[in-house]
Amino acid sequence: MARPAPAKFSVIMAPRVLRDLSAIHGFIVERSPAGADAMLDRIGATIASLAHMPKRFGRAVEGRGGRGGRGGRRELRQAVAGPYRVVFEVVGDEVWVFTVRHAGRRPAMIRRARPG
């Protein structure tokens, strides 16, 4: 018996994500142009993977009401790509990507508004 295809989610990125990726590339390219491109490819693949089973990733600190969080009721999640965290929320059949941050940085303030 064939298994049903997994649900596919639409991935929507906030404008901030493009700024984050540009800053990440600019930082790494000074040290390693090839490394900068490779890291963006890795982050891009991680973001693309959110279209399938995004809830497999753990909760992000931003959604726990801790440092940088606003209340503990949001289910913000994070996917890790190297030293970077992709912070997102699953809303219905959409995945809203809010930011890409280095794991060593303080948590981000995430607004509730839909990105894009």
C-alpha atoms as a PDB file:
ATOM      1  CA  MET A   1       0.000   0.000   0.000  1.00  0.00           C
ATOM      2  CA  ALA A   2       1.415   3.391  -0.992  1.00  0.00           C
ATOM      3  CA  ARG A   3       2.072   5.907   1.717  1.00  0.00           C
ATOM      4  CA  PRO A   4       0.453   9.306   1.253  1.00  0.00           C
ATOM      5  CA  ALA A   5       2.809  12.077   0.215  1.00  0.00           C
ATOM      6  CA  PRO A   6       3.809  14.304   3.125  1.00  0.00           C
ATOM      7  CA  ALA A   7       2.090  17.655   3.280  1.00  0.00           C
ATOM      8  CA  LYS A   8       4.029  20.452   1.640  1.00  0.00           C
ATOM      9  CA  PHE A   9       4.146  23.816   3.339  1.00  0.00           C
ATOM     10  CA  SER A  10       4.609  27.196   1.659  1.00  0.00           C
ATOM     11  CA  VAL A  11       7.751  28.895   2.948  1.00  0.00           C
ATOM     12  CA  ILE A  12       7.446  32.684   3.274  1.00  0.00           C
ATOM     13  CA  MET A  13      10.491  34.764   4.161  1.00  0.00           C
ATOM     14  CA  ALA A  14      10.420  38.141   5.844  1.00  0.00           C
ATOM     15  CA  PRO A  15      12.446  40.896   4.113  1.00  0.00           C
ATOM     16  CA  ARG A  16      14.733  40.772   7.147  1.00  0.00           C
ATOM     17  CA  VAL A  17      15.903  37.287   6.085  1.00  0.00           C
ATOM     18  CA  LEU A  18      17.416  38.651   2.881  1.00  0.00           C
ATOM     19  CA  ARG A  19      19.224  41.340   4.882  1.00  0.00           C
ATOM     20  CA  ASP A  20      20.460  38.677   7.306  1.00  0.00           C
ATOM     21  CA  LEU A  21      21.775  36.522   4.454  1.00  0.00           C
ATOM     22  CA  SER A  22      23.503  39.489   2.849  1.00  0.00           C
ATOM     23  CA  ALA A  23      25.201  40.378   6.146  1.00  0.00           C
ATOM     24  CA  ILE A  24      26.271  36.766   6.718  1.00  0.00           C
ATOM     25  CA  HIS A  25      27.749  36.559   3.233  1.00  0.00           C
ATOM     26  CA  GLY A  26      29.511  39.913   3.654  1.00  0.00           C
ATOM     27  CA  PHE A  27      31.064  38.794   6.943  1.00  0.00           C
ATOM     28  CA  ILE A  28      32.295  35.421   5.682  1.00  0.00           C
ATOM     29  CA  VAL A  29      33.425  36.559   2.214  1.00  0.00           C
ATOM     30  CA  GLU A  30      36.177  38.700   3.788  1.00  0.00           C
ATOM     31  CA  ARG A  31      37.773  35.499   5.083  1.00  0.00           C
ATOM     32  CA  SER A  32      36.710  32.936   2.495  1.00  0.00           C
ATOM     33  CA  PRO A  33      34.769  33.731  -0.694  1.00  0.00           C
ATOM     34  CA  ALA A  34      34.116  30.035  -1.366  1.00  0.00           C
ATOM     35  CA  GLY A  35      33.129  29.512   2.258  1.00  0.00           C
ATOM     36  CA  ALA A  36      30.636  32.374   2.075  1.00  0.00           C
ATOM     37  CA  ASP A  37      28.920  30.858  -0.948  1.00  0.00           C
ATOM     38  CA  ALA A  38      28.920  27.403   0.644  1.00  0.00           C
ATOM     39  CA  MET A  39      27.349  28.725   3.858  1.00  0.00           C
ATOM     40  CA  LEU A  40      24.593  30.535   1.958  1.00  0.00           C
ATOM     41  CA  ASP A  41      23.922  27.332   0.012  1.00  0.00           C
ATOM     42  CA  ARG A  42      23.681  25.425   3.300  1.00  0.00           C
ATOM     43  CA  ILE A  43      21.329  27.976   4.865  1.00  0.00           C
ATOM     44  CA  GLY A  44      19.257  28.075   1.665  1.00  0.00           C
ATOM     45  CA  ALA A  45      18.917  24.292   1.684  1.00  0.00           C
ATOM     46  CA  THR A  46      17.835  24.412   5.328  1.00  0.00           C
ATOM     47  CA  ILE A  47      15.181  27.034   4.562  1.00  0.00           C
ATOM     48  CA  ALA A  48      13.959  25.018   1.559  1.00  0.00           C
ATOM     49  CA  SER A  49      13.700  21.895   3.757  1.00  0.00           C
ATOM     50  CA  LEU A  50      11.104  23.671   5.901  1.00  0.00           C
ATOM     51  CA  ALA A  51       8.543  22.905   3.187  1.00  0.00           C
ATOM     52  CA  HIS A  52       8.478  19.313   4.473  1.00  0.00           C
ATOM     53  CA  MET A  53       7.735  18.480   8.109  1.00  0.00           C
ATOM     54  CA  PRO A  54       8.817  21.814   9.625  1.00  0.00           C
ATOM     55  CA  LYS A  55       7.674  20.770  13.093  1.00  0.00           C
ATOM     56  CA  ARG A  56      10.533  18.275  13.253  1.00  0.00           C
ATOM     57  CA  PHE A  57      12.695  21.161  14.434  1.00  0.00           C
ATOM     58  CA  GLY A  58      12.870  22.233  18.065  1.00  0.00           C
ATOM     59  CA  ARG A  59      11.484  25.327  19.737  1.00  0.00           C
ATOM     60  CA  ALA A  60      13.456  28.565  19.529  1.00  0.00           C
ATOM     61  CA  VAL A  61      14.317  30.579  22.621  1.00  0.00           C
ATOM     62  CA  GLU A  62      12.478  33.528  21.051  1.00  0.00           C
ATOM     63  CA  GLY A  63       9.208  31.649  21.506  1.00  0.00           C
ATOM     64  CA  ARG A  64       9.761  30.681  25.131  1.00  0.00           C
ATOM     65  CA  GLY A  65       9.294  34.066  26.720  1.00  0.00           C
ATOM     66  CA  GLY A  66      12.961  34.185  27.699  1.00  0.00           C
ATOM     67  CA  ARG A  67      15.549  36.673  26.527  1.00  0.00           C
ATOM     68  CA  GLY A  68      14.166  38.351  23.450  1.00  0.00           C
ATOM     69  CA  GLY A  69      10.862  36.497  23.628  1.00  0.00           C
ATOM     70  CA  ARG A  70       7.422  37.978  24.140  1.00  0.00           C
ATOM     71  CA  GLY A  71       5.353  35.559  26.130  1.00  0.00           C
ATOM     72  CA  GLY A  72       5.657  31.821  25.982  1.00  0.00           C
ATOM     73  CA  ARG A  73       2.620  31.009  23.857  1.00  0.00           C
ATOM     74  CA  ARG A  74       4.157  31.314  20.378  1.00  0.00           C
ATOM     75  CA  GLU A  75       5.542  28.210  18.834  1.00  0.00           C
ATOM     76  CA  LEU A  76       8.619  29.674  17.207  1.00  0.00           C
ATOM     77  CA  ARG A  77      11.028  27.008  16.033  1.00  0.00           C
ATOM     78  CA  GLN A  78      14.591  26.931  14.815  1.00  0.00           C
ATOM     79  CA  ALA A  79      16.492  24.957  12.220  1.00  0.00           C
ATOM     80  CA  VAL A  80      20.268  24.933  12.496  1.00  0.00           C
ATOM     81  CA  ALA A  81      22.598  25.414   9.532  1.00  0.00           C
ATOM     82  CA  GLY A  82      26.199  25.386  10.727  1.00  0.00           C
ATOM     83  CA  PRO A  83      26.552  28.120  13.342  1.00  0.00           C
ATOM     84  CA  TYR A  84      23.330  29.826  12.199  1.00  0.00           C
ATOM     85  CA  ARG A  85      19.741  29.462  13.414  1.00  0.00           C
ATOM     86  CA  VAL A  86      16.792  29.890  11.051  1.00  0.00           C
ATOM     87  CA  VAL A  87      13.919  31.133  13.250  1.00  0.00           C
ATOM     88  CA  PHE A  88      10.422  30.415  11.963  1.00  0.00           C
ATOM     89  CA  GLU A  89       6.815  29.724  12.866  1.00  0.00           C
ATOM     90  CA  VAL A  90       4.385  27.210  11.369  1.00  0.00           C
ATOM     91  CA  VAL A  91       0.995  28.827  10.721  1.00  0.00           C
ATOM     92  CA  GLY A  92      -1.516  26.516   9.054  1.00  0.00           C
ATOM     93  CA  ASP A  93       0.085  25.290   5.843  1.00  0.00           C
ATOM     94  CA  GLU A  94       2.663  28.101   5.800  1.00  0.00           C
ATOM     95  CA  VAL A  95       6.109  28.425   7.336  1.00  0.00           C
ATOM     96  CA  TRP A  96       6.983  32.011   8.203  1.00  0.00           C
ATOM     97  CA  VAL A  97      10.754  32.525   8.329  1.00  0.00           C
ATOM     98  CA  PHE A  98      11.577  35.570  10.443  1.00  0.00           C
ATOM     99  CA  THR A  99      15.356  35.718  10.758  1.00  0.00           C
ATOM    100  CA  VAL A 100      18.678  33.931  10.351  1.00  0.00           C
ATOM    101  CA  ARG A 101      21.010  34.542  13.282  1.00  0.00           C
ATOM    102  CA  HIS A 102      24.377  33.333  14.449  1.00  0.00           C
ATOM    103  CA  ALA A 103      23.837  30.992  17.390  1.00  0.00           C
ATOM    104  CA  GLY A 104      26.160  33.095  19.532  1.00  0.00           C
ATOM    105  CA  ARG A 105      24.038  36.238  19.190  1.00  0.00           C
ATOM    106  CA  ARG A 106      21.280  37.281  21.539  1.00  0.00           C
ATOM    107  CA  PRO A 107      17.781  36.092  20.604  1.00  0.00           C
ATOM    108  CA  ALA A 108      15.833  38.300  18.221  1.00  0.00           C
ATOM    109  CA  MET A 109      12.661  40.228  18.932  1.00  0.00           C
ATOM    110  CA  ILE A 110      10.081  38.651  16.634  1.00  0.00           C
ATOM    111  CA  ARG A 111       6.927  40.540  15.704  1.00  0.00           C
ATOM    112  CA  ARG A 112       3.716  38.617  15.143  1.00  0.00           C
ATOM    113  CA  ALA A 113       2.992  40.069  11.705  1.00  0.00           C
ATOM    114  CA  ARG A 114       3.219  37.776   8.717  1.00  0.00           C
ATOM    115  CA  PRO A 115       6.510  38.207   6.873  1.00  0.00           C
ATOM    116  CA  GLY A 116       6.663  39.261   3.278  1.00  0.00           C
END
